[in-house]
Amino acid sequence: MFVDLNILIKINQNNMPKFSRTQKFTKANIANVPQNKAIIYKIKSRDGENLYTGIAGRGRPQERLLEHKEIKREKIPEGTRFQYAQVKTKDIASKIEKSIIKKEQPEFNEQHK
């Protein structure tokens, strides 16, 4: 059976994956992010504004978030919170990421606006 992912994503655009609760952007909280699936993540301000949306492939979510944590002060200084959602593949994550960026226009995303 052949399923066109583009059609599937369009059908499910209103059914965004369920994001985790927003939590402080700390190494301890990052260490609790599951590694078994790809994720879409949002780095947010204290007020809940989405400052940056990104993705990480399976096995790499914690590493990717830690990369942002290390450069946060110079690149996304107001980023004090984050949330994430797991999806089956990085391809699906990428399509959802583009949709979120287009809709929410995060300040620090340069692509997909």
C-alpha atoms as a PDB file:
ATOM      1  CA  MET A   1       0.000   0.000   0.000  1.00  0.00           C
ATOM      2  CA  PHE A   2       1.396   3.411  -0.995  1.00  0.00           C
ATOM      3  CA  VAL A   3       0.715   6.419   1.237  1.00  0.00           C
ATOM      4  CA  ASP A   4       1.721   9.880   0.096  1.00  0.00           C
ATOM      5  CA  LEU A   5       3.195  11.605   3.169  1.00  0.00           C
ATOM      6  CA  ASN A   6       2.378  15.061   1.763  1.00  0.00           C
ATOM      7  CA  ILE A   7      -1.307  14.197   1.659  1.00  0.00           C
ATOM      8  CA  LEU A   8      -1.157  12.614   5.098  1.00  0.00           C
ATOM      9  CA  ILE A   9       0.479  15.721   6.574  1.00  0.00           C
ATOM     10  CA  LYS A  10      -2.088  18.024   4.925  1.00  0.00           C
ATOM     11  CA  ILE A  11      -4.933  15.924   6.319  1.00  0.00           C
ATOM     12  CA  ASN A  12      -3.376  15.969   9.768  1.00  0.00           C
ATOM     13  CA  GLN A  13      -2.202  19.606   9.881  1.00  0.00           C
ATOM     14  CA  ASN A  14      -4.970  20.438  12.302  1.00  0.00           C
ATOM     15  CA  ASN A  15      -3.947  17.424  14.387  1.00  0.00           C
ATOM     16  CA  MET A  16      -0.571  18.658  15.548  1.00  0.00           C
ATOM     17  CA  PRO A  17       1.275  16.265  17.805  1.00  0.00           C
ATOM     18  CA  LYS A  18       0.706  16.749  21.509  1.00  0.00           C
ATOM     19  CA  PHE A  19       3.481  18.866  22.984  1.00  0.00           C
ATOM     20  CA  SER A  20       4.871  18.277  26.459  1.00  0.00           C
ATOM     21  CA  ARG A  21       4.104  20.756  29.185  1.00  0.00           C
ATOM     22  CA  THR A  22       6.340  23.805  29.033  1.00  0.00           C
ATOM     23  CA  GLN A  23       9.306  23.391  31.368  1.00  0.00           C
ATOM     24  CA  LYS A  24      12.416  25.288  32.390  1.00  0.00           C
ATOM     25  CA  PHE A  25      15.257  25.043  29.879  1.00  0.00           C
ATOM     26  CA  THR A  26      17.693  23.262  32.230  1.00  0.00           C
ATOM     27  CA  LYS A  27      20.161  20.433  31.694  1.00  0.00           C
ATOM     28  CA  ALA A  28      18.186  18.314  34.176  1.00  0.00           C
ATOM     29  CA  ASN A  29      14.947  18.718  32.198  1.00  0.00           C
ATOM     30  CA  ILE A  30      16.733  18.135  28.901  1.00  0.00           C
ATOM     31  CA  ALA A  31      18.096  14.847  30.318  1.00  0.00           C
ATOM     32  CA  ASN A  32      14.479  13.642  30.657  1.00  0.00           C
ATOM     33  CA  VAL A  33      13.620  14.121  26.966  1.00  0.00           C
ATOM     34  CA  PRO A  34      13.088  10.677  25.360  1.00  0.00           C
ATOM     35  CA  GLN A  35      15.618   9.602  22.729  1.00  0.00           C
ATOM     36  CA  ASN A  36      13.590   6.868  21.007  1.00  0.00           C
ATOM     37  CA  LYS A  37      11.820   9.061  18.405  1.00  0.00           C
ATOM     38  CA  ALA A  38      12.352  12.255  16.457  1.00  0.00           C
ATOM     39  CA  ILE A  39      11.082  15.425  18.116  1.00  0.00           C
ATOM     40  CA  ILE A  40       9.882  18.908  17.280  1.00  0.00           C
ATOM     41  CA  TYR A  41      10.806  21.396  19.992  1.00  0.00           C
ATOM     42  CA  LYS A  42      10.030  24.998  20.840  1.00  0.00           C
ATOM     43  CA  ILE A  43      12.321  27.265  22.842  1.00  0.00           C
ATOM     44  CA  LYS A  44      10.131  29.813  24.589  1.00  0.00           C
ATOM     45  CA  SER A  45      10.370  33.013  26.583  1.00  0.00           C
ATOM     46  CA  ARG A  46       9.305  33.307  30.213  1.00  0.00           C
ATOM     47  CA  ASP A  47       5.968  34.651  28.895  1.00  0.00           C
ATOM     48  CA  GLY A  48       5.418  31.611  26.666  1.00  0.00           C
ATOM     49  CA  GLU A  49       6.294  33.217  23.320  1.00  0.00           C
ATOM     50  CA  ASN A  50       7.762  30.734  20.825  1.00  0.00           C
ATOM     51  CA  LEU A  51      11.232  32.104  20.047  1.00  0.00           C
ATOM     52  CA  TYR A  52      12.613  29.158  18.063  1.00  0.00           C
ATOM     53  CA  THR A  53      11.242  25.904  16.656  1.00  0.00           C
ATOM     54  CA  GLY A  54      13.511  23.045  15.647  1.00  0.00           C
ATOM     55  CA  ILE A  55      13.725  19.297  15.130  1.00  0.00           C
ATOM     56  CA  ALA A  56      16.026  16.486  16.170  1.00  0.00           C
ATOM     57  CA  GLY A  57      16.231  12.953  14.813  1.00  0.00           C
ATOM     58  CA  ARG A  58      15.857   9.776  16.826  1.00  0.00           C
ATOM     59  CA  GLY A  59      18.747   9.309  19.241  1.00  0.00           C
ATOM     60  CA  ARG A  60      19.676  12.999  19.142  1.00  0.00           C
ATOM     61  CA  PRO A  61      16.997  15.054  20.980  1.00  0.00           C
ATOM     62  CA  GLN A  62      18.999  15.632  24.166  1.00  0.00           C
ATOM     63  CA  GLU A  63      22.191  16.438  22.265  1.00  0.00           C
ATOM     64  CA  ARG A  64      20.398  18.959  20.045  1.00  0.00           C
ATOM     65  CA  LEU A  65      18.702  20.706  22.965  1.00  0.00           C
ATOM     66  CA  LEU A  66      22.013  20.864  24.844  1.00  0.00           C
ATOM     67  CA  GLU A  67      23.588  22.522  21.785  1.00  0.00           C
ATOM     68  CA  HIS A  68      20.940  25.231  22.047  1.00  0.00           C
ATOM     69  CA  LYS A  69      21.459  25.483  25.796  1.00  0.00           C
ATOM     70  CA  GLU A  70      25.195  26.102  25.300  1.00  0.00           C
ATOM     71  CA  ILE A  71      24.715  28.869  22.725  1.00  0.00           C
ATOM     72  CA  LYS A  72      21.490  30.244  24.188  1.00  0.00           C
ATOM     73  CA  ARG A  73      23.033  33.311  25.801  1.00  0.00           C
ATOM     74  CA  GLU A  74      24.292  34.701  22.515  1.00  0.00           C
ATOM     75  CA  LYS A  75      21.714  33.337  20.064  1.00  0.00           C
ATOM     76  CA  ILE A  76      18.411  33.122  21.992  1.00  0.00           C
ATOM     77  CA  PRO A  77      19.012  35.011  25.246  1.00  0.00           C
ATOM     78  CA  GLU A  78      15.352  35.136  26.295  1.00  0.00           C
ATOM     79  CA  GLY A  79      14.917  31.357  25.866  1.00  0.00           C
ATOM     80  CA  THR A  80      14.210  30.117  29.385  1.00  0.00           C
ATOM     81  CA  ARG A  81      11.633  27.398  28.698  1.00  0.00           C
ATOM     82  CA  PHE A  82      11.028  24.616  26.192  1.00  0.00           C
ATOM     83  CA  GLN A  83       8.552  21.985  25.136  1.00  0.00           C
ATOM     84  CA  TYR A  84       8.671  19.106  22.671  1.00  0.00           C
ATOM     85  CA  ALA A  85       6.550  16.568  20.845  1.00  0.00           C
ATOM     86  CA  GLN A  86       7.612  13.147  19.627  1.00  0.00           C
ATOM     87  CA  VAL A  87       6.871  11.971  16.081  1.00  0.00           C
ATOM     88  CA  LYS A  88       7.725   8.799  14.182  1.00  0.00           C
ATOM     89  CA  THR A  89      10.296  10.176  11.749  1.00  0.00           C
ATOM     90  CA  LYS A  90      12.494  13.186  11.136  1.00  0.00           C
ATOM     91  CA  ASP A  91      10.707  13.742   7.793  1.00  0.00           C
ATOM     92  CA  ILE A  92       7.381  14.137   9.581  1.00  0.00           C
ATOM     93  CA  ALA A  93       9.063  16.391  12.162  1.00  0.00           C
ATOM     94  CA  SER A  94      10.411  18.574   9.364  1.00  0.00           C
ATOM     95  CA  LYS A  95       6.992  19.062   7.776  1.00  0.00           C
ATOM     96  CA  ILE A  96       5.427  19.957  11.124  1.00  0.00           C
ATOM     97  CA  GLU A  97       8.335  22.284  11.948  1.00  0.00           C
ATOM     98  CA  LYS A  98       7.771  24.210   8.701  1.00  0.00           C
ATOM     99  CA  SER A  99       4.063  24.512   9.462  1.00  0.00           C
ATOM    100  CA  ILE A 100       4.684  25.822  12.996  1.00  0.00           C
ATOM    101  CA  ILE A 101       7.297  28.330  11.798  1.00  0.00           C
ATOM    102  CA  LYS A 102       5.000  29.602   9.072  1.00  0.00           C
ATOM    103  CA  LYS A 103       2.111  29.993  11.515  1.00  0.00           C
ATOM    104  CA  GLU A 104       3.917  31.287  14.637  1.00  0.00           C
ATOM    105  CA  GLN A 105       6.846  33.189  13.015  1.00  0.00           C
ATOM    106  CA  PRO A 106       9.367  32.564  15.846  1.00  0.00           C
ATOM    107  CA  GLU A 107      11.810  35.457  16.135  1.00  0.00           C
ATOM    108  CA  PHE A 108      14.997  33.384  15.882  1.00  0.00           C
ATOM    109  CA  ASN A 109      14.022  31.039  13.024  1.00  0.00           C
ATOM    110  CA  GLU A 110      15.423  32.179   9.710  1.00  0.00           C
ATOM    111  CA  GLN A 111      14.179  29.384   7.437  1.00  0.00           C
ATOM    112  CA  HIS A 112      10.582  28.549   6.420  1.00  0.00           C
ATOM    113  CA  LYS A 113       9.039  31.953   7.238  1.00  0.00           C
END
